[in-house]
Amino acid sequence: MFELDVRSRKPIYEQLVEKLKQLIIHDVLQEDEKLPSVRELAQQLTINPNTIQKAYRELETQGYIYSLKGKGSFVHPSSKSGQKEELKKVREELKKLFAEAMYLGMSREEIADLLKEAEGRGNHD
């Protein structure tokens, strides 16, 4: 499914959260698609099941997945209203990053190019 960097300073569960978010955002994982069970993913990635559980809980809190008792975890249908708080955090983070990038000399055009790239329409050099 994906690789985790065990030498990274970023905790494994955070890396897992980020990787799964990317798969969901880029429609690799579809709405209502079942995620691998905690045990399956732990074996596949050779990491502790508690780490997987922690990542799944975080994704559920952020509104990316939902769990059904006895059935597993699934990709949440993108409900924009349910993610207002998360969107607010992302906007604040983007503002900080844009301000820092502009302070360091990045132009509006370069920022716009990055946005196009994120949307999948930019030229990938």
PDB file of N, CA and C in Angstrom:
ATOM      1  N   MET A   1       0.833  -1.200   0.000  1.00  0.00           N
ATOM      2  CA  MET A   1       0.000   0.000   0.000  1.00  0.00           C
ATOM      3  C   MET A   1       0.873   1.257   0.000  1.00  0.00           C
ATOM      4  N   PHE A   2       1.836   1.357   0.949  1.00  0.00           N
ATOM      5  CA  PHE A   2       2.760   2.483   1.010  1.00  0.00           C
ATOM      6  C   PHE A   2       3.895   2.181   1.972  1.00  0.00           C
ATOM      7  N   GLU A   3       4.890   3.036   1.963  1.00  0.00           N
ATOM      8  CA  GLU A   3       6.072   2.879   2.809  1.00  0.00           C
ATOM      9  C   GLU A   3       6.063   3.935   3.908  1.00  0.00           C
ATOM     10  N   LEU A   4       6.564   3.557   5.074  1.00  0.00           N
ATOM     11  CA  LEU A   4       6.741   4.505   6.166  1.00  0.00           C
ATOM     12  C   LEU A   4       8.234   4.634   6.433  1.00  0.00           C
ATOM     13  N   ASP A   5       8.662   5.821   6.835  1.00  0.00           N
ATOM     14  CA  ASP A   5      10.079   6.060   7.102  1.00  0.00           C
ATOM     15  C   ASP A   5      10.344   5.896   8.589  1.00  0.00           C
ATOM     16  N   VAL A   6      10.895   4.750   8.964  1.00  0.00           N
ATOM     17  CA  VAL A   6      11.135   4.485  10.382  1.00  0.00           C
ATOM     18  C   VAL A   6      12.256   5.349  10.955  1.00  0.00           C
ATOM     19  N   ARG A   7      13.073   5.948  10.088  1.00  0.00           N
ATOM     20  CA  ARG A   7      14.152   6.825  10.556  1.00  0.00           C
ATOM     21  C   ARG A   7      13.708   8.277  10.692  1.00  0.00           C
ATOM     22  N   SER A   8      12.499   8.578  10.249  1.00  0.00           N
ATOM     23  CA  SER A   8      11.991   9.944  10.319  1.00  0.00           C
ATOM     24  C   SER A   8      11.763  10.357  11.773  1.00  0.00           C
ATOM     25  N   ARG A   9      11.870  11.653  12.018  1.00  0.00           N
ATOM     26  CA  ARG A   9      11.581  12.181  13.356  1.00  0.00           C
ATOM     27  C   ARG A   9      10.073  12.229  13.598  1.00  0.00           C
ATOM     28  N   LYS A  10       9.309  12.196  12.506  1.00  0.00           N
ATOM     29  CA  LYS A  10       7.854  12.245  12.616  1.00  0.00           C
ATOM     30  C   LYS A  10       7.363  10.880  13.113  1.00  0.00           C
ATOM     31  N   PRO A  11       6.504  10.863  14.144  1.00  0.00           N
ATOM     32  CA  PRO A  11       5.997   9.591  14.659  1.00  0.00           C
ATOM     33  C   PRO A  11       5.315   8.758  13.563  1.00  0.00           C
ATOM     34  N   ILE A  12       5.432   7.440  13.684  1.00  0.00           N
ATOM     35  CA  ILE A  12       4.877   6.515  12.695  1.00  0.00           C
ATOM     36  C   ILE A  12       3.384   6.759  12.496  1.00  0.00           C
ATOM     37  N   TYR A  13       2.635   6.947  13.603  1.00  0.00           N
ATOM     38  CA  TYR A  13       1.186   7.116  13.452  1.00  0.00           C
ATOM     39  C   TYR A  13       0.856   8.384  12.658  1.00  0.00           C
ATOM     40  N   GLU A  14       1.669   9.454  12.837  1.00  0.00           N
ATOM     41  CA  GLU A  14       1.440  10.686  12.066  1.00  0.00           C
ATOM     42  C   GLU A  14       1.735  10.460  10.592  1.00  0.00           C
ATOM     43  N   GLN A  15       2.790   9.707  10.300  1.00  0.00           N
ATOM     44  CA  GLN A  15       3.107   9.382   8.903  1.00  0.00           C
ATOM     45  C   GLN A  15       1.956   8.595   8.287  1.00  0.00           C
ATOM     46  N   LEU A  16       1.420   7.661   9.057  1.00  0.00           N
ATOM     47  CA  LEU A  16       0.308   6.834   8.587  1.00  0.00           C
ATOM     48  C   LEU A  16      -0.922   7.691   8.317  1.00  0.00           C
ATOM     49  N   VAL A  17      -1.227   8.609   9.224  1.00  0.00           N
ATOM     50  CA  VAL A  17      -2.358   9.521   9.047  1.00  0.00           C
ATOM     51  C   VAL A  17      -2.177  10.318   7.754  1.00  0.00           C
ATOM     52  N   GLU A  18      -0.976  10.878   7.553  1.00  0.00           N
ATOM     53  CA  GLU A  18      -0.714  11.686   6.352  1.00  0.00           C
ATOM     54  C   GLU A  18      -0.849  10.863   5.076  1.00  0.00           C
ATOM     55  N   LYS A  19      -0.287   9.652   5.076  1.00  0.00           N
ATOM     56  CA  LYS A  19      -0.344   8.795   3.875  1.00  0.00           C
ATOM     57  C   LYS A  19      -1.797   8.438   3.545  1.00  0.00           C
ATOM     58  N   LEU A  20      -2.565   8.072   4.559  1.00  0.00           N
ATOM     59  CA  LEU A  20      -3.967   7.697   4.321  1.00  0.00           C
ATOM     60  C   LEU A  20      -4.779   8.902   3.860  1.00  0.00           C
ATOM     61  N   LYS A  21      -4.512  10.077   4.437  1.00  0.00           N
ATOM     62  CA  LYS A  21      -5.202  11.303   3.992  1.00  0.00           C
ATOM     63  C   LYS A  21      -4.937  11.537   2.510  1.00  0.00           C
ATOM     64  N   GLN A  22      -3.671  11.393   2.109  1.00  0.00           N
ATOM     65  CA  GLN A  22      -3.315  11.614   0.705  1.00  0.00           C
ATOM     66  C   GLN A  22      -4.045  10.634  -0.209  1.00  0.00           C
ATOM     67  N   LEU A  23      -4.130   9.375   0.215  1.00  0.00           N
ATOM     68  CA  LEU A  23      -4.832   8.365  -0.590  1.00  0.00           C
ATOM     69  C   LEU A  23      -6.319   8.706  -0.708  1.00  0.00           C
ATOM     70  N   ILE A  24      -6.889   9.249   0.360  1.00  0.00           N
ATOM     71  CA  ILE A  24      -8.302   9.625   0.348  1.00  0.00           C
ATOM     72  C   ILE A  24      -8.507  10.883  -0.496  1.00  0.00           C
ATOM     73  N   ILE A  25      -7.666  11.895  -0.281  1.00  0.00           N
ATOM     74  CA  ILE A  25      -7.779  13.164  -0.997  1.00  0.00           C
ATOM     75  C   ILE A  25      -7.647  12.961  -2.500  1.00  0.00           C
ATOM     76  N   HIS A  26      -6.737  12.082  -2.906  1.00  0.00           N
ATOM     77  CA  HIS A  26      -6.485  11.856  -4.338  1.00  0.00           C
ATOM     78  C   HIS A  26      -7.325  10.715  -4.906  1.00  0.00           C
ATOM     79  N   ASP A  27      -8.386  10.353  -4.186  1.00  0.00           N
ATOM     80  CA  ASP A  27      -9.359   9.343  -4.642  1.00  0.00           C
ATOM     81  C   ASP A  27      -8.758   7.976  -4.936  1.00  0.00           C
ATOM     82  N   VAL A  28      -7.614   7.672  -4.356  1.00  0.00           N
ATOM     83  CA  VAL A  28      -7.070   6.319  -4.472  1.00  0.00           C
ATOM     84  C   VAL A  28      -7.958   5.402  -3.619  1.00  0.00           C
ATOM     85  N   LEU A  29      -8.326   5.921  -2.442  1.00  0.00           N
ATOM     86  CA  LEU A  29      -9.314   5.242  -1.600  1.00  0.00           C
ATOM     87  C   LEU A  29     -10.645   5.964  -1.813  1.00  0.00           C
ATOM     88  N   GLN A  30     -11.640   5.217  -2.244  1.00  0.00           N
ATOM     89  CA  GLN A  30     -12.936   5.797  -2.606  1.00  0.00           C
ATOM     90  C   GLN A  30     -13.858   5.917  -1.392  1.00  0.00           C
ATOM     91  N   GLU A  31     -14.893   6.755  -1.520  1.00  0.00           N
ATOM     92  CA  GLU A  31     -15.894   6.912  -0.468  1.00  0.00           C
ATOM     93  C   GLU A  31     -16.489   5.553  -0.122  1.00  0.00           C
ATOM     94  N   ASP A  32     -16.651   5.307   1.160  1.00  0.00           N
ATOM     95  CA  ASP A  32     -17.225   4.074   1.715  1.00  0.00           C
ATOM     96  C   ASP A  32     -16.377   2.824   1.459  1.00  0.00           C
ATOM     97  N   GLU A  33     -15.157   2.999   0.956  1.00  0.00           N
ATOM     98  CA  GLU A  33     -14.265   1.853   0.756  1.00  0.00           C
ATOM     99  C   GLU A  33     -13.742   1.383   2.106  1.00  0.00           C
ATOM    100  N   LYS A  34     -13.697   0.080   2.289  1.00  0.00           N
ATOM    101  CA  LYS A  34     -13.221  -0.501   3.555  1.00  0.00           C
ATOM    102  C   LYS A  34     -11.706  -0.408   3.614  1.00  0.00           C
ATOM    103  N   LEU A  35     -11.205   0.077   4.736  1.00  0.00           N
ATOM    104  CA  LEU A  35      -9.762   0.122   4.959  1.00  0.00           C
ATOM    105  C   LEU A  35      -9.296  -1.235   5.469  1.00  0.00           C
ATOM    106  N   PRO A  36      -8.012  -1.548   5.310  1.00  0.00           N
ATOM    107  CA  PRO A  36      -7.520  -2.807   5.874  1.00  0.00           C
ATOM    108  C   PRO A  36      -7.753  -2.817   7.383  1.00  0.00           C
ATOM    109  N   SER A  37      -7.973  -3.992   7.939  1.00  0.00           N
ATOM    110  CA  SER A  37      -8.167  -4.070   9.385  1.00  0.00           C
ATOM    111  C   SER A  37      -6.874  -3.665  10.077  1.00  0.00           C
ATOM    112  N   VAL A  38      -6.981  -3.310  11.348  1.00  0.00           N
ATOM    113  CA  VAL A  38      -5.814  -2.921  12.131  1.00  0.00           C
ATOM    114  C   VAL A  38      -4.778  -4.050  12.091  1.00  0.00           C
ATOM    115  N   ARG A  39      -5.224  -5.263  12.288  1.00  0.00           N
ATOM    116  CA  ARG A  39      -4.313  -6.420  12.299  1.00  0.00           C
ATOM    117  C   ARG A  39      -3.642  -6.605  10.928  1.00  0.00           C
ATOM    118  N   GLU A  40      -4.430  -6.533   9.851  1.00  0.00           N
ATOM    119  CA  GLU A  40      -3.877  -6.700   8.495  1.00  0.00           C
ATOM    120  C   GLU A  40      -2.803  -5.651   8.198  1.00  0.00           C
ATOM    121  N   LEU A  41      -3.125  -4.402   8.493  1.00  0.00           N
ATOM    122  CA  LEU A  41      -2.193  -3.316   8.193  1.00  0.00           C
ATOM    123  C   LEU A  41      -0.944  -3.409   9.070  1.00  0.00           C
ATOM    124  N   ALA A  42      -1.116  -3.798  10.325  1.00  0.00           N
ATOM    125  CA  ALA A  42       0.025  -3.959  11.235  1.00  0.00           C
ATOM    126  C   ALA A  42       0.977  -5.029  10.700  1.00  0.00           C
ATOM    127  N   GLN A  43       0.417  -6.124  10.204  1.00  0.00           N
ATOM    128  CA  GLN A  43       1.254  -7.190   9.642  1.00  0.00           C
ATOM    129  C   GLN A  43       1.924  -6.725   8.356  1.00  0.00           C
ATOM    130  N   GLN A  44       1.164  -6.060   7.505  1.00  0.00           N
ATOM    131  CA  GLN A  44       1.679  -5.586   6.218  1.00  0.00           C
ATOM    132  C   GLN A  44       2.833  -4.603   6.400  1.00  0.00           C
ATOM    133  N   LEU A  45       2.691  -3.679   7.366  1.00  0.00           N
ATOM    134  CA  LEU A  45       3.703  -2.645   7.584  1.00  0.00           C
ATOM    135  C   LEU A  45       4.712  -3.020   8.671  1.00  0.00           C
ATOM    136  N   THR A  46       4.494  -4.172   9.290  1.00  0.00           N
ATOM    137  CA  THR A  46       5.302  -4.653  10.423  1.00  0.00           C
ATOM    138  C   THR A  46       5.477  -3.579  11.506  1.00  0.00           C
ATOM    139  N   ILE A  47       4.334  -3.051  11.938  1.00  0.00           N
ATOM    140  CA  ILE A  47       4.330  -2.111  13.063  1.00  0.00           C
ATOM    141  C   ILE A  47       3.254  -2.526  14.058  1.00  0.00           C
ATOM    142  N   ASN A  48       3.331  -1.984  15.241  1.00  0.00           N
ATOM    143  CA  ASN A  48       2.426  -2.326  16.329  1.00  0.00           C
ATOM    144  C   ASN A  48       0.976  -1.982  15.986  1.00  0.00           C
ATOM    145  N   PRO A  49       0.038  -2.904  16.228  1.00  0.00           N
ATOM    146  CA  PRO A  49      -1.378  -2.628  15.960  1.00  0.00           C
ATOM    147  C   PRO A  49      -1.903  -1.393  16.699  1.00  0.00           C
ATOM    148  N   ASN A  50      -1.348  -1.103  17.876  1.00  0.00           N
ATOM    149  CA  ASN A  50      -1.792   0.086  18.617  1.00  0.00           C
ATOM    150  C   ASN A  50      -1.490   1.365  17.846  1.00  0.00           C
ATOM    151  N   THR A  51      -0.407   1.351  17.073  1.00  0.00           N
ATOM    152  CA  THR A  51      -0.042   2.501  16.245  1.00  0.00           C
ATOM    153  C   THR A  51      -1.083   2.704  15.148  1.00  0.00           C
ATOM    154  N   ILE A  52      -1.503   1.608  14.530  1.00  0.00           N
ATOM    155  CA  ILE A  52      -2.527   1.672  13.486  1.00  0.00           C
ATOM    156  C   ILE A  52      -3.833   2.192  14.095  1.00  0.00           C
ATOM    157  N   GLN A  53      -4.188   1.638  15.253  1.00  0.00           N
ATOM    158  CA  GLN A  53      -5.422   2.041  15.938  1.00  0.00           C
ATOM    159  C   GLN A  53      -5.408   3.538  16.237  1.00  0.00           C
ATOM    160  N   LYS A  54      -4.267   4.040  16.698  1.00  0.00           N
ATOM    161  CA  LYS A  54      -4.132   5.466  17.012  1.00  0.00           C
ATOM    162  C   LYS A  54      -4.324   6.314  15.749  1.00  0.00           C
ATOM    163  N   ALA A  55      -3.733   5.877  14.639  1.00  0.00           N
ATOM    164  CA  ALA A  55      -3.871   6.605  13.367  1.00  0.00           C
ATOM    165  C   ALA A  55      -5.323   6.588  12.900  1.00  0.00           C
ATOM    166  N   TYR A  56      -5.976   5.431  12.989  1.00  0.00           N
ATOM    167  CA  TYR A  56      -7.384   5.333  12.577  1.00  0.00           C
ATOM    168  C   TYR A  56      -8.270   6.238  13.439  1.00  0.00           C
ATOM    169  N   ARG A  57      -7.986   6.278  14.746  1.00  0.00           N
ATOM    170  CA  ARG A  57      -8.765   7.147  15.645  1.00  0.00           C
ATOM    171  C   ARG A  57      -8.597   8.609  15.249  1.00  0.00           C
ATOM    172  N   GLU A  58      -7.363   8.990  14.930  1.00  0.00           N
ATOM    173  CA  GLU A  58      -7.083  10.375  14.530  1.00  0.00           C
ATOM    174  C   GLU A  58      -7.813  10.712  13.227  1.00  0.00           C
ATOM    175  N   LEU A  59      -7.783   9.802  12.257  1.00  0.00           N
ATOM    176  CA  LEU A  59      -8.477  10.022  10.987  1.00  0.00           C
ATOM    177  C   LEU A  59      -9.985  10.126  11.194  1.00  0.00           C
ATOM    178  N   GLU A  60     -10.501   9.352  12.136  1.00  0.00           N
ATOM    179  CA  GLU A  60     -11.932   9.407  12.426  1.00  0.00           C
ATOM    180  C   GLU A  60     -12.286  10.747  13.072  1.00  0.00           C
ATOM    181  N   THR A  61     -11.446  11.199  13.994  1.00  0.00           N
ATOM    182  CA  THR A  61     -11.657  12.489  14.651  1.00  0.00           C
ATOM    183  C   THR A  61     -11.650  13.626  13.628  1.00  0.00           C
ATOM    184  N   GLN A  62     -10.785  13.523  12.634  1.00  0.00           N
ATOM    185  CA  GLN A  62     -10.677  14.561  11.614  1.00  0.00           C
ATOM    186  C   GLN A  62     -11.739  14.425  10.522  1.00  0.00           C
ATOM    187  N   GLY A  63     -12.536  13.354  10.556  1.00  0.00           N
ATOM    188  CA  GLY A  63     -13.629  13.202   9.604  1.00  0.00           C
ATOM    189  C   GLY A  63     -13.271  12.531   8.293  1.00  0.00           C
ATOM    190  N   TYR A  64     -12.105  11.899   8.222  1.00  0.00           N
ATOM    191  CA  TYR A  64     -11.701  11.231   6.982  1.00  0.00           C
ATOM    192  C   TYR A  64     -12.242   9.806   6.879  1.00  0.00           C
ATOM    193  N   ILE A  65     -12.433   9.159   8.031  1.00  0.00           N
ATOM    194  CA  ILE A  65     -12.954   7.789   8.017  1.00  0.00           C
ATOM    195  C   ILE A  65     -14.040   7.647   9.084  1.00  0.00           C
ATOM    196  N   TYR A  66     -14.789   6.548   9.000  1.00  0.00           N
ATOM    197  CA  TYR A  66     -15.755   6.211  10.038  1.00  0.00           C
ATOM    198  C   TYR A  66     -15.634   4.723  10.316  1.00  0.00           C
ATOM    199  N   SER A  67     -16.050   4.332  11.510  1.00  0.00           N
ATOM    200  CA  SER A  67     -15.955   2.927  11.904  1.00  0.00           C
ATOM    201  C   SER A  67     -17.333   2.366  12.180  1.00  0.00           C
ATOM    202  N   LEU A  68     -17.521   1.103  11.825  1.00  0.00           N
ATOM    203  CA  LEU A  68     -18.738   0.375  12.155  1.00  0.00           C
ATOM    204  C   LEU A  68     -18.329  -0.809  13.016  1.00  0.00           C
ATOM    205  N   LYS A  69     -18.919  -0.887  14.194  1.00  0.00           N
ATOM    206  CA  LYS A  69     -18.560  -1.947  15.131  1.00  0.00           C
ATOM    207  C   LYS A  69     -18.717  -3.323  14.479  1.00  0.00           C
ATOM    208  N   GLY A  70     -17.668  -4.121  14.547  1.00  0.00           N
ATOM    209  CA  GLY A  70     -17.689  -5.465  13.990  1.00  0.00           C
ATOM    210  C   GLY A  70     -17.498  -5.523  12.489  1.00  0.00           C
ATOM    211  N   LYS A  71     -17.466  -4.369  11.815  1.00  0.00           N
ATOM    212  CA  LYS A  71     -17.336  -4.343  10.348  1.00  0.00           C
ATOM    213  C   LYS A  71     -15.994  -3.765   9.904  1.00  0.00           C
ATOM    214  N   GLY A  72     -15.474  -2.782  10.641  1.00  0.00           N
ATOM    215  CA  GLY A  72     -14.196  -2.175  10.285  1.00  0.00           C
ATOM    216  C   GLY A  72     -14.288  -0.676  10.073  1.00  0.00           C
ATOM    217  N   SER A  73     -13.256  -0.132   9.446  1.00  0.00           N
ATOM    218  CA  SER A  73     -13.169   1.298   9.174  1.00  0.00           C
ATOM    219  C   SER A  73     -13.329   1.540   7.679  1.00  0.00           C
ATOM    220  N   PHE A  74     -13.987   2.653   7.353  1.00  0.00           N
ATOM    221  CA  PHE A  74     -14.319   2.970   5.966  1.00  0.00           C
ATOM    222  C   PHE A  74     -14.015   4.435   5.678  1.00  0.00           C
ATOM    223  N   VAL A  75     -13.758   4.736   4.394  1.00  0.00           N
ATOM    224  CA  VAL A  75     -13.527   6.119   3.976  1.00  0.00           C
ATOM    225  C   VAL A  75     -14.846   6.878   4.076  1.00  0.00           C
ATOM    226  N   HIS A  76     -14.800   8.002   4.753  1.00  0.00           N
ATOM    227  CA  HIS A  76     -16.001   8.813   4.955  1.00  0.00           C
ATOM    228  C   HIS A  76     -16.369   9.515   3.655  1.00  0.00           C
ATOM    229  N   PRO A  77     -17.645   9.477   3.271  1.00  0.00           N
ATOM    230  CA  PRO A  77     -18.062  10.275   2.113  1.00  0.00           C
ATOM    231  C   PRO A  77     -17.731  11.737   2.420  1.00  0.00           C
ATOM    232  N   SER A  78     -17.146  12.439   1.486  1.00  0.00           N
ATOM    233  CA  SER A  78     -16.667  13.796   1.767  1.00  0.00           C
ATOM    234  C   SER A  78     -17.820  14.720   2.122  1.00  0.00           C
ATOM    235  N   SER A  79     -18.039  14.848   3.409  1.00  0.00           N
ATOM    236  CA  SER A  79     -19.077  15.761   3.894  1.00  0.00           C
ATOM    237  C   SER A  79     -18.392  17.051   4.300  1.00  0.00           C
ATOM    238  N   LYS A  80     -18.497  18.047   3.452  1.00  0.00           N
ATOM    239  CA  LYS A  80     -17.807  19.316   3.667  1.00  0.00           C
ATOM    240  C   LYS A  80     -18.198  19.955   4.994  1.00  0.00           C
ATOM    241  N   SER A  81     -19.460  19.849   5.367  1.00  0.00           N
ATOM    242  CA  SER A  81     -19.915  20.502   6.594  1.00  0.00           C
ATOM    243  C   SER A  81     -19.329  19.837   7.829  1.00  0.00           C
ATOM    244  N   GLY A  82     -19.107  18.546   7.778  1.00  0.00           N
ATOM    245  CA  GLY A  82     -18.560  17.824   8.919  1.00  0.00           C
ATOM    246  C   GLY A  82     -17.087  18.099   9.142  1.00  0.00           C
ATOM    247  N   GLN A  83     -16.442  18.763   8.185  1.00  0.00           N
ATOM    248  CA  GLN A  83     -15.010  19.001   8.297  1.00  0.00           C
ATOM    249  C   GLN A  83     -14.676  20.483   8.454  1.00  0.00           C
ATOM    250  N   LYS A  84     -15.640  21.266   8.905  1.00  0.00           N
ATOM    251  CA  LYS A  84     -15.434  22.718   9.031  1.00  0.00           C
ATOM    252  C   LYS A  84     -14.275  23.061   9.961  1.00  0.00           C
ATOM    253  N   GLU A  85     -14.205  22.385  11.100  1.00  0.00           N
ATOM    254  CA  GLU A  85     -13.157  22.671  12.079  1.00  0.00           C
ATOM    255  C   GLU A  85     -11.782  22.330  11.508  1.00  0.00           C
ATOM    256  N   GLU A  86     -11.672  21.191  10.833  1.00  0.00           N
ATOM    257  CA  GLU A  86     -10.407  20.783  10.223  1.00  0.00           C
ATOM    258  C   GLU A  86     -10.017  21.768   9.120  1.00  0.00           C
ATOM    259  N   LEU A  87     -10.992  22.212   8.334  1.00  0.00           N
ATOM    260  CA  LEU A  87     -10.742  23.168   7.261  1.00  0.00           C
ATOM    261  C   LEU A  87     -10.233  24.494   7.833  1.00  0.00           C
ATOM    262  N   LYS A  88     -10.788  24.899   8.957  1.00  0.00           N
ATOM    263  CA  LYS A  88     -10.364  26.130   9.613  1.00  0.00           C
ATOM    264  C   LYS A  88      -8.885  26.033  10.016  1.00  0.00           C
ATOM    265  N   LYS A  89      -8.482  24.873  10.558  1.00  0.00           N
ATOM    266  CA  LYS A  89      -7.084  24.661  10.951  1.00  0.00           C
ATOM    267  C   LYS A  89      -6.169  24.705   9.727  1.00  0.00           C
ATOM    268  N   VAL A  90      -6.610  24.075   8.646  1.00  0.00           N
ATOM    269  CA  VAL A  90      -5.811  24.048   7.420  1.00  0.00           C
ATOM    270  C   VAL A  90      -5.641  25.457   6.869  1.00  0.00           C
ATOM    271  N   ARG A  91      -6.706  26.256   6.884  1.00  0.00           N
ATOM    272  CA  ARG A  91      -6.615  27.646   6.393  1.00  0.00           C
ATOM    273  C   ARG A  91      -5.593  28.448   7.197  1.00  0.00           C
ATOM    274  N   GLU A  92      -5.639  28.296   8.524  1.00  0.00           N
ATOM    275  CA  GLU A  92      -4.699  29.030   9.384  1.00  0.00           C
ATOM    276  C   GLU A  92      -3.265  28.605   9.088  1.00  0.00           C
ATOM    277  N   GLU A  93      -3.058  27.311   8.920  1.00  0.00           N
ATOM    278  CA  GLU A  93      -1.726  26.789   8.618  1.00  0.00           C
ATOM    279  C   GLU A  93      -1.239  27.301   7.262  1.00  0.00           C
ATOM    280  N   LEU A  94      -2.140  27.309   6.270  1.00  0.00           N
ATOM    281  CA  LEU A  94      -1.779  27.814   4.938  1.00  0.00           C
ATOM    282  C   LEU A  94      -1.390  29.290   4.995  1.00  0.00           C
ATOM    283  N   LYS A  95      -2.147  30.079   5.762  1.00  0.00           N
ATOM    284  CA  LYS A  95      -1.824  31.510   5.887  1.00  0.00           C
ATOM    285  C   LYS A  95      -0.405  31.692   6.415  1.00  0.00           C
ATOM    286  N   LYS A  96      -0.068  30.912   7.450  1.00  0.00           N
ATOM    287  CA  LYS A  96       1.272  30.999   8.036  1.00  0.00           C
ATOM    288  C   LYS A  96       2.324  30.601   7.013  1.00  0.00           C
ATOM    289  N   LEU A  97       2.066  29.499   6.295  1.00  0.00           N
ATOM    290  CA  LEU A  97       3.030  29.015   5.308  1.00  0.00           C
ATOM    291  C   LEU A  97       3.189  29.984   4.139  1.00  0.00           C
ATOM    292  N   PHE A  98       2.078  30.579   3.679  1.00  0.00           N
ATOM    293  CA  PHE A  98       2.154  31.570   2.594  1.00  0.00           C
ATOM    294  C   PHE A  98       2.967  32.781   3.044  1.00  0.00           C
ATOM    295  N   ALA A  99       2.713  33.256   4.246  1.00  0.00           N
ATOM    296  CA  ALA A  99       3.441  34.420   4.757  1.00  0.00           C
ATOM    297  C   ALA A  99       4.939  34.108   4.844  1.00  0.00           C
ATOM    298  N   GLU A 100       5.269  32.935   5.328  1.00  0.00           N
ATOM    299  CA  GLU A 100       6.676  32.537   5.441  1.00  0.00           C
ATOM    300  C   GLU A 100       7.317  32.407   4.057  1.00  0.00           C
ATOM    301  N   ALA A 101       6.599  31.786   3.125  1.00  0.00           N
ATOM    302  CA  ALA A 101       7.120  31.600   1.767  1.00  0.00           C
ATOM    303  C   ALA A 101       7.378  32.962   1.099  1.00  0.00           C
ATOM    304  N   MET A 102       6.440  33.895   1.261  1.00  0.00           N
ATOM    305  CA  MET A 102       6.595  35.222   0.650  1.00  0.00           C
ATOM    306  C   MET A 102       7.746  35.978   1.318  1.00  0.00           C
ATOM    307  N   TYR A 103       7.890  35.835   2.615  1.00  0.00           N
ATOM    308  CA  TYR A 103       8.995  36.464   3.338  1.00  0.00           C
ATOM    309  C   TYR A 103      10.337  35.941   2.814  1.00  0.00           C
ATOM    310  N   LEU A 104      10.374  34.649   2.486  1.00  0.00           N
ATOM    311  CA  LEU A 104      11.604  34.034   1.989  1.00  0.00           C
ATOM    312  C   LEU A 104      11.829  34.269   0.493  1.00  0.00           C
ATOM    313  N   GLY A 105      10.888  34.991  -0.143  1.00  0.00           N
ATOM    314  CA  GLY A 105      11.103  35.393  -1.524  1.00  0.00           C
ATOM    315  C   GLY A 105      10.274  34.666  -2.571  1.00  0.00           C
ATOM    316  N   MET A 106       9.353  33.819  -2.165  1.00  0.00           N
ATOM    317  CA  MET A 106       8.513  33.121  -3.144  1.00  0.00           C
ATOM    318  C   MET A 106       7.484  34.104  -3.708  1.00  0.00           C
ATOM    319  N   SER A 107       7.297  34.064  -5.022  1.00  0.00           N
ATOM    320  CA  SER A 107       6.359  34.982  -5.667  1.00  0.00           C
ATOM    321  C   SER A 107       4.935  34.418  -5.652  1.00  0.00           C
ATOM    322  N   ARG A 108       3.978  35.298  -5.920  1.00  0.00           N
ATOM    323  CA  ARG A 108       2.567  34.870  -6.024  1.00  0.00           C
ATOM    324  C   ARG A 108       2.421  33.819  -7.124  1.00  0.00           C
ATOM    325  N   GLU A 109       3.170  34.023  -8.228  1.00  0.00           N
ATOM    326  CA  GLU A 109       3.101  33.092  -9.359  1.00  0.00           C
ATOM    327  C   GLU A 109       3.585  31.707  -8.952  1.00  0.00           C
ATOM    328  N   GLU A 110       4.662  31.647  -8.176  1.00  0.00           N
ATOM    329  CA  GLU A 110       5.184  30.363  -7.709  1.00  0.00           C
ATOM    330  C   GLU A 110       4.179  29.674  -6.786  1.00  0.00           C
ATOM    331  N   ILE A 111       3.526  30.466  -5.949  1.00  0.00           N
ATOM    332  CA  ILE A 111       2.498  29.910  -5.058  1.00  0.00           C
ATOM    333  C   ILE A 111       1.321  29.401  -5.886  1.00  0.00           C
ATOM    334  N   ALA A 112       0.920  30.181  -6.905  1.00  0.00           N
ATOM    335  CA  ALA A 112      -0.179  29.756  -7.786  1.00  0.00           C
ATOM    336  C   ALA A 112       0.190  28.472  -8.525  1.00  0.00           C
ATOM    337  N   ASP A 113       1.462  28.357  -8.952  1.00  0.00           N
ATOM    338  CA  ASP A 113       1.925  27.135  -9.626  1.00  0.00           C
ATOM    339  C   ASP A 113       1.831  25.933  -8.690  1.00  0.00           C
ATOM    340  N   LEU A 114       2.189  26.139  -7.432  1.00  0.00           N
ATOM    341  CA  LEU A 114       2.089  25.051  -6.444  1.00  0.00           C
ATOM    342  C   LEU A 114       0.640  24.614  -6.264  1.00  0.00           C
ATOM    343  N   LEU A 115      -0.261  25.580  -6.251  1.00  0.00           N
ATOM    344  CA  LEU A 115      -1.686  25.270  -6.113  1.00  0.00           C
ATOM    345  C   LEU A 115      -2.158  24.441  -7.307  1.00  0.00           C
ATOM    346  N   LYS A 116      -1.756  24.843  -8.499  1.00  0.00           N
ATOM    347  CA  LYS A 116      -2.127  24.079  -9.700  1.00  0.00           C
ATOM    348  C   LYS A 116      -1.571  22.665  -9.635  1.00  0.00           C
ATOM    349  N   GLU A 117      -0.344  22.548  -9.149  1.00  0.00           N
ATOM    350  CA  GLU A 117       0.289  21.237  -9.002  1.00  0.00           C
ATOM    351  C   GLU A 117      -0.505  20.362  -8.025  1.00  0.00           C
ATOM    352  N   ALA A 118      -0.929  20.969  -6.923  1.00  0.00           N
ATOM    353  CA  ALA A 118      -1.711  20.239  -5.916  1.00  0.00           C
ATOM    354  C   ALA A 118      -3.038  19.780  -6.488  1.00  0.00           C
ATOM    355  N   GLU A 119      -3.591  20.566  -7.389  1.00  0.00           N
ATOM    356  CA  GLU A 119      -4.857  20.217  -8.026  1.00  0.00           C
ATOM    357  C   GLU A 119      -4.664  19.153  -9.113  1.00  0.00           C
ATOM    358  N   GLY A 120      -3.388  18.863  -9.416  1.00  0.00           N
ATOM    359  CA  GLY A 120      -3.110  17.854 -10.422  1.00  0.00           C
ATOM    360  C   GLY A 120      -3.095  18.377 -11.837  1.00  0.00           C
ATOM    361  N   ARG A 121      -3.109  19.709 -11.986  1.00  0.00           N
ATOM    362  CA  ARG A 121      -3.147  20.295 -13.330  1.00  0.00           C
ATOM    363  C   ARG A 121      -1.828  20.907 -13.732  1.00  0.00           C
ATOM    364  N   GLY A 122      -0.900  21.006 -12.767  1.00  0.00           N
ATOM    365  CA  GLY A 122       0.367  21.684 -13.060  1.00  0.00           C
ATOM    366  C   GLY A 122       1.306  20.804 -13.837  1.00  0.00           C
ATOM    367  N   ASN A 123       2.342  21.433 -14.365  1.00  0.00           N
ATOM    368  CA  ASN A 123       3.404  20.690 -15.052  1.00  0.00           C
ATOM    369  C   ASN A 123       4.302  20.065 -13.998  1.00  0.00           C
ATOM    370  N   HIS A 124       4.468  18.774 -14.068  1.00  0.00           N
ATOM    371  CA  HIS A 124       5.310  18.085 -13.096  1.00  0.00           C
ATOM    372  C   HIS A 124       6.715  17.950 -13.661  1.00  0.00           C
ATOM    373  N   ASP A 125       7.610  18.818 -13.167  1.00  0.00           N
ATOM    374  CA  ASP A 125       8.987  18.815 -13.681  1.00  0.00           C
ATOM    375  C   ASP A 125       9.727  17.628 -13.126  1.00  0.00           C
TER     376      ASP A 125
END
